PDB file of N, CA and C in Angstrom:
ATOM      1  N   MET A   1     171.934 125.976 125.116  1.00  0.00           N
ATOM      2  CA  MET A   1     171.393 126.054 126.452  1.00  0.00           C
ATOM      3  C   MET A   1     171.258 124.648 127.042  1.00  0.00           C
ATOM      4  N   ALA A   2     170.038 124.217 127.338  1.00  0.00           N
ATOM      5  CA  ALA A   2     169.822 122.940 128.026  1.00  0.00           C
ATOM      6  C   ALA A   2     169.209 121.907 127.094  1.00  0.00           C
ATOM      7  N   LYS A   3     169.464 120.632 127.425  1.00  0.00           N
ATOM      8  CA  LYS A   3     168.793 119.540 126.731  1.00  0.00           C
ATOM      9  C   LYS A   3     167.570 119.168 127.565  1.00  0.00           C
ATOM     10  N   ILE A   4     166.395 119.199 126.943  1.00  0.00           N
ATOM     11  CA  ILE A   4     165.138 118.941 127.634  1.00  0.00           C
ATOM     12  C   ILE A   4     164.464 117.723 127.027  1.00  0.00           C
ATOM     13  N   LEU A   5     164.061 116.804 127.903  1.00  0.00           N
ATOM     14  CA  LEU A   5     163.259 115.654 127.479  1.00  0.00           C
ATOM     15  C   LEU A   5     161.802 116.015 127.695  1.00  0.00           C
ATOM     16  N   LEU A   6     161.043 116.097 126.622  1.00  0.00           N
ATOM     17  CA  LEU A   6     159.617 116.393 126.665  1.00  0.00           C
ATOM     18  C   LEU A   6     158.847 115.088 126.514  1.00  0.00           C
ATOM     19  N   VAL A   7     158.022 114.772 127.504  1.00  0.00           N
ATOM     20  CA  VAL A   7     157.227 113.549 127.475  1.00  0.00           C
ATOM     21  C   VAL A   7     155.770 113.962 127.300  1.00  0.00           C
ATOM     22  N   GLU A   8     155.276 113.794 126.081  1.00  0.00           N
ATOM     23  CA  GLU A   8     153.935 114.269 125.722  1.00  0.00           C
ATOM     24  C   GLU A   8     153.393 113.384 124.618  1.00  0.00           C
ATOM     25  N   ASP A   9     152.192 112.807 124.833  1.00  0.00           N
ATOM     26  CA  ASP A   9     151.627 111.899 123.836  1.00  0.00           C
ATOM     27  C   ASP A   9     150.765 112.599 122.794  1.00  0.00           C
ATOM     28  N   GLU A  10     150.363 113.827 123.030  1.00  0.00           N
ATOM     29  CA  GLU A  10     149.559 114.563 122.045  1.00  0.00           C
ATOM     30  C   GLU A  10     150.507 115.308 121.102  1.00  0.00           C
ATOM     31  N   LYS A  11     150.520 114.874 119.845  1.00  0.00           N
ATOM     32  CA  LYS A  11     151.492 115.400 118.885  1.00  0.00           C
ATOM     33  C   LYS A  11     151.418 116.920 118.704  1.00  0.00           C
ATOM     34  N   ASN A  12     150.213 117.474 118.612  1.00  0.00           N
ATOM     35  CA  ASN A  12     150.081 118.916 118.412  1.00  0.00           C
ATOM     36  C   ASN A  12     150.594 119.709 119.608  1.00  0.00           C
ATOM     37  N   VAL A  13     150.317 119.209 120.792  1.00  0.00           N
ATOM     38  CA  VAL A  13     150.823 119.856 122.006  1.00  0.00           C
ATOM     39  C   VAL A  13     152.346 119.769 122.036  1.00  0.00           C
ATOM     40  N   ALA A  14     152.879 118.599 121.705  1.00  0.00           N
ATOM     41  CA  ALA A  14     154.336 118.417 121.687  1.00  0.00           C
ATOM     42  C   ALA A  14     154.989 119.384 120.706  1.00  0.00           C
ATOM     43  N   LEU A  15     154.414 119.537 119.521  1.00  0.00           N
ATOM     44  CA  LEU A  15     154.974 120.469 118.531  1.00  0.00           C
ATOM     45  C   LEU A  15     154.998 121.903 119.052  1.00  0.00           C
ATOM     46  N   LEU A  16     153.925 122.302 119.715  1.00  0.00           N
ATOM     47  CA  LEU A  16     153.850 123.646 120.287  1.00  0.00           C
ATOM     48  C   LEU A  16     154.946 123.854 121.332  1.00  0.00           C
ATOM     49  N   TYR A  17     155.112 122.889 122.231  1.00  0.00           N
ATOM     50  CA  TYR A  17     156.130 122.995 123.280  1.00  0.00           C
ATOM     51  C   TYR A  17     157.536 122.967 122.710  1.00  0.00           C
ATOM     52  N   VAL A  18     157.767 122.081 121.753  1.00  0.00           N
ATOM     53  CA  VAL A  18     159.094 121.998 121.137  1.00  0.00           C
ATOM     54  C   VAL A  18     159.456 123.339 120.512  1.00  0.00           C
ATOM     55  N   GLN A  19     158.528 123.931 119.778  1.00  0.00           N
ATOM     56  CA  GLN A  19     158.802 125.216 119.141  1.00  0.00           C
ATOM     57  C   GLN A  19     159.126 126.297 120.176  1.00  0.00           C
ATOM     58  N   ALA A  20     158.329 126.372 121.226  1.00  0.00           N
ATOM     59  CA  ALA A  20     158.549 127.384 122.262  1.00  0.00           C
ATOM     60  C   ALA A  20     159.891 127.174 122.968  1.00  0.00           C
ATOM     61  N   LEU A  21     160.214 125.932 123.272  1.00  0.00           N
ATOM     62  CA  LEU A  21     161.473 125.648 123.968  1.00  0.00           C
ATOM     63  C   LEU A  21     162.686 125.876 123.065  1.00  0.00           C
ATOM     64  N   GLU A  22     162.566 125.490 121.803  1.00  0.00           N
ATOM     65  CA  GLU A  22     163.667 125.729 120.862  1.00  0.00           C
ATOM     66  C   GLU A  22     163.844 127.212 120.598  1.00  0.00           C
ATOM     67  N   ASP A  23     162.759 127.975 120.599  1.00  0.00           N
ATOM     68  CA  ASP A  23     162.868 129.427 120.443  1.00  0.00           C
ATOM     69  C   ASP A  23     163.666 130.053 121.590  1.00  0.00           C
ATOM     70  N   GLU A  24     163.666 129.390 122.737  1.00  0.00           N
ATOM     71  CA  GLU A  24     164.438 129.853 123.897  1.00  0.00           C
ATOM     72  C   GLU A  24     165.874 129.327 123.852  1.00  0.00           C
ATOM     73  N   GLY A  25     166.198 128.564 122.811  1.00  0.00           N
ATOM     74  CA  GLY A  25     167.561 128.078 122.632  1.00  0.00           C
ATOM     75  C   GLY A  25     167.836 126.687 123.172  1.00  0.00           C
ATOM     76  N   HIS A  26     166.818 125.989 123.626  1.00  0.00           N
ATOM     77  CA  HIS A  26     167.012 124.653 124.191  1.00  0.00           C
ATOM     78  C   HIS A  26     166.990 123.592 123.100  1.00  0.00           C
ATOM     79  N   CYS A  27     167.655 122.485 123.370  1.00  0.00           N
ATOM     80  CA  CYS A  27     167.605 121.299 122.526  1.00  0.00           C
ATOM     81  C   CYS A  27     166.537 120.393 123.124  1.00  0.00           C
ATOM     82  N   VAL A  28     165.582 119.949 122.327  1.00  0.00           N
ATOM     83  CA  VAL A  28     164.462 119.171 122.848  1.00  0.00           C
ATOM     84  C   VAL A  28     164.429 117.798 122.185  1.00  0.00           C
ATOM     85  N   VAL A  29     164.339 116.772 123.030  1.00  0.00           N
ATOM     86  CA  VAL A  29     164.109 115.405 122.568  1.00  0.00           C
ATOM     87  C   VAL A  29     162.752 114.987 123.125  1.00  0.00           C
ATOM     88  N   CYS A  30     162.033 114.158 122.384  1.00  0.00           N
ATOM     89  CA  CYS A  30     160.652 113.837 122.756  1.00  0.00           C
ATOM     90  C   CYS A  30     160.432 112.340 122.955  1.00  0.00           C
ATOM     91  N   ALA A  31     159.558 112.046 123.903  1.00  0.00           N
ATOM     92  CA  ALA A  31     159.068 110.689 124.124  1.00  0.00           C
ATOM     93  C   ALA A  31     157.553 110.763 124.184  1.00  0.00           C
ATOM     94  N   GLU A  32     156.881 109.728 123.669  1.00  0.00           N
ATOM     95  CA  GLU A  32     155.417 109.723 123.626  1.00  0.00           C
ATOM     96  C   GLU A  32     154.784 108.856 124.705  1.00  0.00           C
ATOM     97  N   ASP A  33     155.588 108.083 125.428  1.00  0.00           N
ATOM     98  CA  ASP A  33     155.033 107.222 126.477  1.00  0.00           C
ATOM     99  C   ASP A  33     156.059 107.064 127.597  1.00  0.00           C
ATOM    100  N   GLY A  34     155.613 106.462 128.681  1.00  0.00           N
ATOM    101  CA  GLY A  34     156.445 106.348 129.874  1.00  0.00           C
ATOM    102  C   GLY A  34     157.696 105.502 129.688  1.00  0.00           C
ATOM    103  N   ARG A  35     157.554 104.371 129.019  1.00  0.00           N
ATOM    104  CA  ARG A  35     158.718 103.500 128.808  1.00  0.00           C
ATOM    105  C   ARG A  35     159.793 104.205 127.997  1.00  0.00           C
ATOM    106  N   SER A  36     159.382 104.860 126.917  1.00  0.00           N
ATOM    107  CA  SER A  36     160.341 105.603 126.089  1.00  0.00           C
ATOM    108  C   SER A  36     161.003 106.718 126.893  1.00  0.00           C
ATOM    109  N   ALA A  37     160.231 107.357 127.767  1.00  0.00           N
ATOM    110  CA  ALA A  37     160.769 108.443 128.587  1.00  0.00           C
ATOM    111  C   ALA A  37     161.892 107.941 129.484  1.00  0.00           C
ATOM    112  N   VAL A  38     161.682 106.802 130.128  1.00  0.00           N
ATOM    113  CA  VAL A  38     162.710 106.241 131.006  1.00  0.00           C
ATOM    114  C   VAL A  38     163.957 105.886 130.208  1.00  0.00           C
ATOM    115  N   GLU A  39     163.772 105.244 129.059  1.00  0.00           N
ATOM    116  CA  GLU A  39     164.903 104.869 128.210  1.00  0.00           C
ATOM    117  C   GLU A  39     165.655 106.101 127.715  1.00  0.00           C
ATOM    118  N   MET A  40     164.913 107.117 127.282  1.00  0.00           N
ATOM    119  CA  MET A  40     165.563 108.325 126.760  1.00  0.00           C
ATOM    120  C   MET A  40     166.265 109.117 127.864  1.00  0.00           C
ATOM    121  N   ALA A  41     165.706 109.109 129.062  1.00  0.00           N
ATOM    122  CA  ALA A  41     166.367 109.800 130.172  1.00  0.00           C
ATOM    123  C   ALA A  41     167.724 109.154 130.451  1.00  0.00           C
ATOM    124  N   GLN A  42     167.807 107.830 130.308  1.00  0.00           N
ATOM    125  CA  GLN A  42     169.070 107.137 130.524  1.00  0.00           C
ATOM    126  C   GLN A  42     170.055 107.399 129.392  1.00  0.00           C
ATOM    127  N   SER A  43     169.575 107.347 128.162  1.00  0.00           N
ATOM    128  CA  SER A  43     170.489 107.483 127.025  1.00  0.00           C
ATOM    129  C   SER A  43     170.840 108.928 126.697  1.00  0.00           C
ATOM    130  N   GLU A  44     169.911 109.842 126.850  1.00  0.00           N
ATOM    131  CA  GLU A  44     170.124 111.238 126.452  1.00  0.00           C
ATOM    132  C   GLU A  44     170.688 112.121 127.564  1.00  0.00           C
ATOM    133  N   GLN A  45     170.538 111.691 128.820  1.00  0.00           N
ATOM    134  CA  GLN A  45     171.008 112.472 129.972  1.00  0.00           C
ATOM    135  C   GLN A  45     170.555 113.940 129.888  1.00  0.00           C
ATOM    136  N   PRO A  46     169.238 114.176 129.876  1.00  0.00           N
ATOM    137  CA  PRO A  46     168.743 115.554 129.752  1.00  0.00           C
ATOM    138  C   PRO A  46     169.026 116.379 131.011  1.00  0.00           C
ATOM    139  N   ASP A  47     168.990 117.691 130.840  1.00  0.00           N
ATOM    140  CA  ASP A  47     169.149 118.615 131.958  1.00  0.00           C
ATOM    141  C   ASP A  47     167.829 118.824 132.685  1.00  0.00           C
ATOM    142  N   LEU A  48     166.720 118.504 132.011  1.00  0.00           N
ATOM    143  CA  LEU A  48     165.385 118.732 132.543  1.00  0.00           C
ATOM    144  C   LEU A  48     164.404 117.795 131.837  1.00  0.00           C
ATOM    145  N   VAL A  49     163.375 117.350 132.578  1.00  0.00           N
ATOM    146  CA  VAL A  49     162.305 116.551 131.990  1.00  0.00           C
ATOM    147  C   VAL A  49     160.988 117.285 132.212  1.00  0.00           C
ATOM    148  N   ILE A  50     160.212 117.426 131.142  1.00  0.00           N
ATOM    149  CA  ILE A  50     158.844 117.947 131.238  1.00  0.00           C
ATOM    150  C   ILE A  50     157.934 116.750 130.985  1.00  0.00           C
ATOM    151  N   MET A  51     157.140 116.385 132.009  1.00  0.00           N
ATOM    152  CA  MET A  51     156.412 115.126 132.006  1.00  0.00           C
ATOM    153  C   MET A  51     154.904 115.324 132.064  1.00  0.00           C
ATOM    154  N   ASP A  52     154.206 114.773 131.068  1.00  0.00           N
ATOM    155  CA  ASP A  52     152.752 114.677 131.142  1.00  0.00           C
ATOM    156  C   ASP A  52     152.433 113.500 132.066  1.00  0.00           C
ATOM    157  N   ILE A  53     151.263 113.498 132.674  1.00  0.00           N
ATOM    158  CA  ILE A  53     150.908 112.393 133.577  1.00  0.00           C
ATOM    159  C   ILE A  53     150.135 111.305 132.864  1.00  0.00           C
ATOM    160  N   ASN A  54     149.102 111.667 132.122  1.00  0.00           N
ATOM    161  CA  ASN A  54     148.292 110.666 131.421  1.00  0.00           C
ATOM    162  C   ASN A  54     148.973 110.303 130.115  1.00  0.00           C
ATOM    163  N   LEU A  55     149.575 109.124 130.115  1.00  0.00           N
ATOM    164  CA  LEU A  55     150.319 108.656 128.951  1.00  0.00           C
ATOM    165  C   LEU A  55     149.773 107.310 128.498  1.00  0.00           C
ATOM    166  N   PRO A  56     149.943 106.980 127.208  1.00  0.00           N
ATOM    167  CA  PRO A  56     149.486 105.677 126.726  1.00  0.00           C
ATOM    168  C   PRO A  56     150.384 104.558 127.251  1.00  0.00           C
ATOM    169  N   GLU A  57     149.974 103.352 127.001  1.00  0.00           N
ATOM    170  CA  GLU A  57     150.678 102.149 127.421  1.00  0.00           C
ATOM    171  C   GLU A  57     150.459 101.914 128.912  1.00  0.00           C
ATOM    172  N   LYS A  58     151.330 101.174 129.531  1.00  0.00           N
ATOM    173  CA  LYS A  58     151.102 100.748 130.902  1.00  0.00           C
ATOM    174  C   LYS A  58     151.771 101.631 131.948  1.00  0.00           C
ATOM    175  N   MET A  59     152.666 102.518 131.559  1.00  0.00           N
ATOM    176  CA  MET A  59     153.410 103.318 132.525  1.00  0.00           C
ATOM    177  C   MET A  59     152.991 104.779 132.417  1.00  0.00           C
ATOM    178  N   ASP A  60     152.369 105.303 133.474  1.00  0.00           N
ATOM    179  CA  ASP A  60     151.947 106.704 133.444  1.00  0.00           C
ATOM    180  C   ASP A  60     153.119 107.628 133.799  1.00  0.00           C
ATOM    181  N   GLY A  61     152.863 108.918 133.784  1.00  0.00           N
ATOM    182  CA  GLY A  61     153.911 109.895 134.030  1.00  0.00           C
ATOM    183  C   GLY A  61     154.491 109.845 135.429  1.00  0.00           C
ATOM    184  N   LEU A  62     153.666 109.551 136.422  1.00  0.00           N
ATOM    185  CA  LEU A  62     154.176 109.491 137.796  1.00  0.00           C
ATOM    186  C   LEU A  62     155.130 108.307 137.979  1.00  0.00           C
ATOM    187  N   GLU A  63     154.778 107.165 137.417  1.00  0.00           N
ATOM    188  CA  GLU A  63     155.675 106.008 137.505  1.00  0.00           C
ATOM    189  C   GLU A  63     156.955 106.264 136.720  1.00  0.00           C
ATOM    190  N   SER A  64     156.830 106.871 135.543  1.00  0.00           N
ATOM    191  CA  SER A  64     158.011 107.201 134.731  1.00  0.00           C
ATOM    192  C   SER A  64     158.926 108.149 135.483  1.00  0.00           C
ATOM    193  N   MET A  65     158.331 109.176 136.097  1.00  0.00           N
ATOM    194  CA  MET A  65     159.121 110.140 136.854  1.00  0.00           C
ATOM    195  C   MET A  65     159.849 109.433 137.997  1.00  0.00           C
ATOM    196  N   SER A  66     159.154 108.541 138.679  1.00  0.00           N
ATOM    197  CA  SER A  66     159.761 107.803 139.787  1.00  0.00           C
ATOM    198  C   SER A  66     160.968 106.997 139.312  1.00  0.00           C
ATOM    199  N   ARG A  67     160.840 106.352 138.180  1.00  0.00           N
ATOM    200  CA  ARG A  67     161.956 105.553 137.645  1.00  0.00           C
ATOM    201  C   ARG A  67     163.111 106.440 137.191  1.00  0.00           C
ATOM    202  N   ILE A  68     162.782 107.546 136.553  1.00  0.00           N
ATOM    203  CA  ILE A  68     163.831 108.475 136.105  1.00  0.00           C
ATOM    204  C   ILE A  68     164.593 109.021 137.310  1.00  0.00           C
ATOM    205  N   LEU A  69     163.861 109.454 138.323  1.00  0.00           N
ATOM    206  CA  LEU A  69     164.510 109.995 139.519  1.00  0.00           C
ATOM    207  C   LEU A  69     165.237 108.901 140.303  1.00  0.00           C
ATOM    208  N   GLY A  70     164.773 107.670 140.194  1.00  0.00           N
ATOM    209  CA  GLY A  70     165.476 106.561 140.827  1.00  0.00           C
ATOM    210  C   GLY A  70     166.848 106.341 140.215  1.00  0.00           C
ATOM    211  N   ASP A  71     166.964 106.611 138.923  1.00  0.00           N
ATOM    212  CA  ASP A  71     168.248 106.488 138.224  1.00  0.00           C
ATOM    213  C   ASP A  71     169.137 107.699 138.447  1.00  0.00           C
ATOM    214  N   ASN A  72     168.518 108.880 138.541  1.00  0.00           N
ATOM    215  CA  ASN A  72     169.296 110.117 138.693  1.00  0.00           C
ATOM    216  C   ASN A  72     168.440 111.173 139.383  1.00  0.00           C
ATOM    217  N   ARG A  73     168.619 111.336 140.671  1.00  0.00           N
ATOM    218  CA  ARG A  73     167.820 112.282 141.451  1.00  0.00           C
ATOM    219  C   ARG A  73     168.128 113.737 141.113  1.00  0.00           C
ATOM    220  N   ARG A  74     169.192 113.974 140.365  1.00  0.00           N
ATOM    221  CA  ARG A  74     169.596 115.351 140.060  1.00  0.00           C
ATOM    222  C   ARG A  74     168.841 115.955 138.872  1.00  0.00           C
ATOM    223  N   ILE A  75     168.115 115.133 138.115  1.00  0.00           N
ATOM    224  CA  ILE A  75     167.375 115.648 136.959  1.00  0.00           C
ATOM    225  C   ILE A  75     166.082 116.284 137.471  1.00  0.00           C
ATOM    226  N   PRO A  76     165.906 117.589 137.253  1.00  0.00           N
ATOM    227  CA  PRO A  76     164.635 118.191 137.653  1.00  0.00           C
ATOM    228  C   PRO A  76     163.516 117.765 136.698  1.00  0.00           C
ATOM    229  N   VAL A  77     162.344 117.522 137.280  1.00  0.00           N
ATOM    230  CA  VAL A  77     161.185 117.115 136.500  1.00  0.00           C
ATOM    231  C   VAL A  77     160.068 118.120 136.741  1.00  0.00           C
ATOM    232  N   ILE A  78     159.482 118.601 135.656  1.00  0.00           N
ATOM    233  CA  ILE A  78     158.304 119.456 135.730  1.00  0.00           C
ATOM    234  C   ILE A  78     157.123 118.634 135.259  1.00  0.00           C
ATOM    235  N   ILE A  79     156.131 118.488 136.126  1.00  0.00           N
ATOM    236  CA  ILE A  79     154.895 117.829 135.707  1.00  0.00           C
ATOM    237  C   ILE A  79     154.061 118.867 134.964  1.00  0.00           C
ATOM    238  N   ASN A  80     153.634 118.509 133.770  1.00  0.00           N
ATOM    239  CA  ASN A  80     152.831 119.399 132.941  1.00  0.00           C
ATOM    240  C   ASN A  80     151.592 118.613 132.509  1.00  0.00           C
ATOM    241  N   THR A  81     150.459 118.918 133.118  1.00  0.00           N
ATOM    242  CA  THR A  81     149.264 118.112 132.907  1.00  0.00           C
ATOM    243  C   THR A  81     148.014 118.977 132.867  1.00  0.00           C
ATOM    244  N   GLY A  82     146.960 118.421 132.356  1.00  0.00           N
ATOM    245  CA  GLY A  82     145.677 119.106 132.337  1.00  0.00           C
ATOM    246  C   GLY A  82     144.821 118.774 133.554  1.00  0.00           C
ATOM    247  N   TYR A  83     145.366 118.010 134.486  1.00  0.00           N
ATOM    248  CA  TYR A  83     144.592 117.528 135.627  1.00  0.00           C
ATOM    249  C   TYR A  83     145.173 118.040 136.946  1.00  0.00           C
ATOM    250  N   SER A  84     144.419 118.867 137.633  1.00  0.00           N
ATOM    251  CA  SER A  84     144.904 119.439 138.892  1.00  0.00           C
ATOM    252  C   SER A  84     144.862 118.444 140.040  1.00  0.00           C
ATOM    253  N   GLU A  85     144.032 117.399 139.945  1.00  0.00           N
ATOM    254  CA  GLU A  85     143.867 116.487 141.077  1.00  0.00           C
ATOM    255  C   GLU A  85     145.127 115.689 141.407  1.00  0.00           C
ATOM    256  N   TYR A  86     146.055 115.546 140.474  1.00  0.00           N
ATOM    257  CA  TYR A  86     147.284 114.804 140.753  1.00  0.00           C
ATOM    258  C   TYR A  86     148.235 115.588 141.658  1.00  0.00           C
ATOM    259  N   LYS A  87     148.007 116.870 141.789  1.00  0.00           N
ATOM    260  CA  LYS A  87     148.886 117.695 142.619  1.00  0.00           C
ATOM    261  C   LYS A  87     148.890 117.223 144.068  1.00  0.00           C
ATOM    262  N   ASP A  88     147.799 116.628 144.531  1.00  0.00           N
ATOM    263  CA  ASP A  88     147.714 116.126 145.895  1.00  0.00           C
ATOM    264  C   ASP A  88     148.281 114.716 146.053  1.00  0.00           C
ATOM    265  N   ASN A  89     148.658 114.079 144.966  1.00  0.00           N
ATOM    266  CA  ASN A  89     149.248 112.749 145.011  1.00  0.00           C
ATOM    267  C   ASN A  89     150.694 112.883 145.482  1.00  0.00           C
ATOM    268  N   PHE A  90     151.045 112.187 146.546  1.00  0.00           N
ATOM    269  CA  PHE A  90     152.383 112.349 147.114  1.00  0.00           C
ATOM    270  C   PHE A  90     153.490 112.043 146.108  1.00  0.00           C
ATOM    271  N   MET A  91     153.231 111.204 145.114  1.00  0.00           N
ATOM    272  CA  MET A  91     154.253 110.902 144.112  1.00  0.00           C
ATOM    273  C   MET A  91     154.607 112.137 143.290  1.00  0.00           C
ATOM    274  N   SER A  92     153.663 113.068 143.129  1.00  0.00           N
ATOM    275  CA  SER A  92     153.945 114.270 142.345  1.00  0.00           C
ATOM    276  C   SER A  92     154.810 115.263 143.113  1.00  0.00           C
ATOM    277  N   TRP A  93     154.946 115.076 144.413  1.00  0.00           N
ATOM    278  CA  TRP A  93     155.724 116.008 145.229  1.00  0.00           C
ATOM    279  C   TRP A  93     157.223 115.967 144.905  1.00  0.00           C
ATOM    280  N   ALA A  94     157.668 114.917 144.253  1.00  0.00           N
ATOM    281  CA  ALA A  94     159.079 114.813 143.882  1.00  0.00           C
ATOM    282  C   ALA A  94     159.420 115.728 142.707  1.00  0.00           C
ATOM    283  N   ALA A  95     158.405 116.231 142.039  1.00  0.00           N
ATOM    284  CA  ALA A  95     158.631 117.101 140.879  1.00  0.00           C
ATOM    285  C   ALA A  95     159.099 118.482 141.321  1.00  0.00           C
ATOM    286  N   GLU A  96     159.881 119.084 140.488  1.00  0.00           N
ATOM    287  CA  GLU A  96     160.376 120.444 140.716  1.00  0.00           C
ATOM    288  C   GLU A  96     159.226 121.456 140.668  1.00  0.00           C
ATOM    289  N   ALA A  97     158.265 121.198 139.774  1.00  0.00           N
ATOM    290  CA  ALA A  97     157.114 122.093 139.613  1.00  0.00           C
ATOM    291  C   ALA A  97     155.942 121.296 139.059  1.00  0.00           C
ATOM    292  N   TYR A  98     154.761 121.811 139.277  1.00  0.00           N
ATOM    293  CA  TYR A  98     153.525 121.209 138.779  1.00  0.00           C
ATOM    294  C   TYR A  98     152.803 122.310 138.015  1.00  0.00           C
ATOM    295  N   VAL A  99     152.703 122.161 136.694  1.00  0.00           N
ATOM    296  CA  VAL A  99     152.126 123.199 135.848  1.00  0.00           C
ATOM    297  C   VAL A  99     150.910 122.624 135.121  1.00  0.00           C
ATOM    298  N   LEU A 100     149.804 123.344 135.193  1.00  0.00           N
ATOM    299  CA  LEU A 100     148.611 122.928 134.465  1.00  0.00           C
ATOM    300  C   LEU A 100     148.719 123.379 133.007  1.00  0.00           C
ATOM    301  N   LYS A 101     148.352 122.494 132.091  1.00  0.00           N
ATOM    302  CA  LYS A 101     148.386 122.839 130.668  1.00  0.00           C
ATOM    303  C   LYS A 101     147.426 123.980 130.396  1.00  0.00           C
ATOM    304  N   SER A 102     147.874 124.854 129.509  1.00  0.00           N
ATOM    305  CA  SER A 102     147.095 126.035 129.169  1.00  0.00           C
ATOM    306  C   SER A 102     147.559 126.545 127.811  1.00  0.00           C
ATOM    307  N   ALA A 103     146.715 127.339 127.172  1.00  0.00           N
ATOM    308  CA  ALA A 103     147.123 127.995 125.924  1.00  0.00           C
ATOM    309  C   ALA A 103     148.223 129.021 126.196  1.00  0.00           C
ATOM    310  N   ASP A 104     148.295 129.499 127.426  1.00  0.00           N
ATOM    311  CA  ASP A 104     149.331 130.429 127.859  1.00  0.00           C
ATOM    312  C   ASP A 104     150.531 129.605 128.334  1.00  0.00           C
ATOM    313  N   LEU A 105     151.608 129.637 127.585  1.00  0.00           N
ATOM    314  CA  LEU A 105     152.786 128.837 127.923  1.00  0.00           C
ATOM    315  C   LEU A 105     153.698 129.509 128.944  1.00  0.00           C
ATOM    316  N   SER A 106     153.382 130.722 129.355  1.00  0.00           N
ATOM    317  CA  SER A 106     154.286 131.434 130.255  1.00  0.00           C
ATOM    318  C   SER A 106     154.499 130.731 131.599  1.00  0.00           C
ATOM    319  N   PRO A 107     153.483 130.095 132.228  1.00  0.00           N
ATOM    320  CA  PRO A 107     153.783 129.381 133.471  1.00  0.00           C
ATOM    321  C   PRO A 107     154.782 128.224 133.266  1.00  0.00           C
ATOM    322  N   LEU A 108     154.644 127.508 132.156  1.00  0.00           N
ATOM    323  CA  LEU A 108     155.575 126.428 131.868  1.00  0.00           C
ATOM    324  C   LEU A 108     156.973 126.978 131.621  1.00  0.00           C
ATOM    325  N   MET A 109     157.067 128.015 130.828  1.00  0.00           N
ATOM    326  CA  MET A 109     158.380 128.587 130.512  1.00  0.00           C
ATOM    327  C   MET A 109     159.049 129.159 131.767  1.00  0.00           C
ATOM    328  N   LYS A 110     158.260 129.732 132.651  1.00  0.00           N
ATOM    329  CA  LYS A 110     158.791 130.251 133.922  1.00  0.00           C
ATOM    330  C   LYS A 110     159.317 129.096 134.776  1.00  0.00           C
ATOM    331  N   ALA A 111     158.577 127.984 134.815  1.00  0.00           N
ATOM    332  CA  ALA A 111     159.018 126.808 135.575  1.00  0.00           C
ATOM    333  C   ALA A 111     160.298 126.224 134.992  1.00  0.00           C
ATOM    334  N   VAL A 112     160.413 126.201 133.672  1.00  0.00           N
ATOM    335  CA  VAL A 112     161.622 125.707 133.011  1.00  0.00           C
ATOM    336  C   VAL A 112     162.810 126.571 133.407  1.00  0.00           C
ATOM    337  N   LYS A 113     162.658 127.859 133.300  1.00  0.00           N
ATOM    338  CA  LYS A 113     163.742 128.780 133.642  1.00  0.00           C
ATOM    339  C   LYS A 113     164.161 128.614 135.107  1.00  0.00           C
ATOM    340  N   SER A 114     163.190 128.499 135.985  1.00  0.00           N
ATOM    341  CA  SER A 114     163.464 128.340 137.405  1.00  0.00           C
ATOM    342  C   SER A 114     164.195 127.019 137.682  1.00  0.00           C
ATOM    343  N   ALA A 115     163.712 125.926 137.105  1.00  0.00           N
ATOM    344  CA  ALA A 115     164.315 124.616 137.341  1.00  0.00           C
ATOM    345  C   ALA A 115     165.746 124.554 136.810  1.00  0.00           C
ATOM    346  N   LEU A 116     165.984 125.158 135.666  1.00  0.00           N
ATOM    347  CA  LEU A 116     167.334 125.129 135.080  1.00  0.00           C
ATOM    348  C   LEU A 116     168.287 126.065 135.819  1.00  0.00           C
ATOM    349  N   GLY A 117     167.739 127.045 136.509  1.00  0.00           N
ATOM    350  CA  GLY A 117     168.578 128.002 137.226  1.00  0.00           C
ATOM    351  C   GLY A 117     169.010 127.546 138.604  1.00  0.00           C
ATOM    352  N   ARG A 118     168.415 126.476 139.092  1.00  0.00           N
ATOM    353  CA  ARG A 118     168.759 125.969 140.431  1.00  0.00           C
ATOM    354  C   ARG A 118     170.019 125.128 140.365  1.00  0.00           C
ATOM    355  N   PRO A 119     170.879 125.270 141.370  1.00  0.00           N
ATOM    356  CA  PRO A 119     172.084 124.414 141.398  1.00  0.00           C
ATOM    357  C   PRO A 119     171.723 122.971 141.670  1.00  0.00           C
ATOM    358  N   ARG A 120     172.448 122.077 141.066  1.00  0.00           N
ATOM    359  CA  ARG A 120     172.201 120.636 141.230  1.00  0.00           C
ATOM    360  C   ARG A 120     173.280 120.025 142.065  1.00  0.00           C
TER     361      ARG A 120
END
């Protein structure tokens, strides 16, 4: 199916998402911080990026997303965060979808399916 770049600094959350996405047949590569995400987006050329906003180091998810989209505007990005207040930040509007983290992965999986189904 699709190659997905998952940007998530919480290891347990990342494992849960990787398992769910791989169960759907996707190939998943992971980054734990913003700098790695930008580098991996360039080298791996993913079909989709799932981006957390609060990341360690100096580059947060919104800045990482901006840099990734600056290199390739055709890569859809899904913001996946536990914080609803970023939804009003104009930088988040460039994302294909904004999904709040939850124990229920169905909203995220629905956003993934929708983003991958759109023509680029």
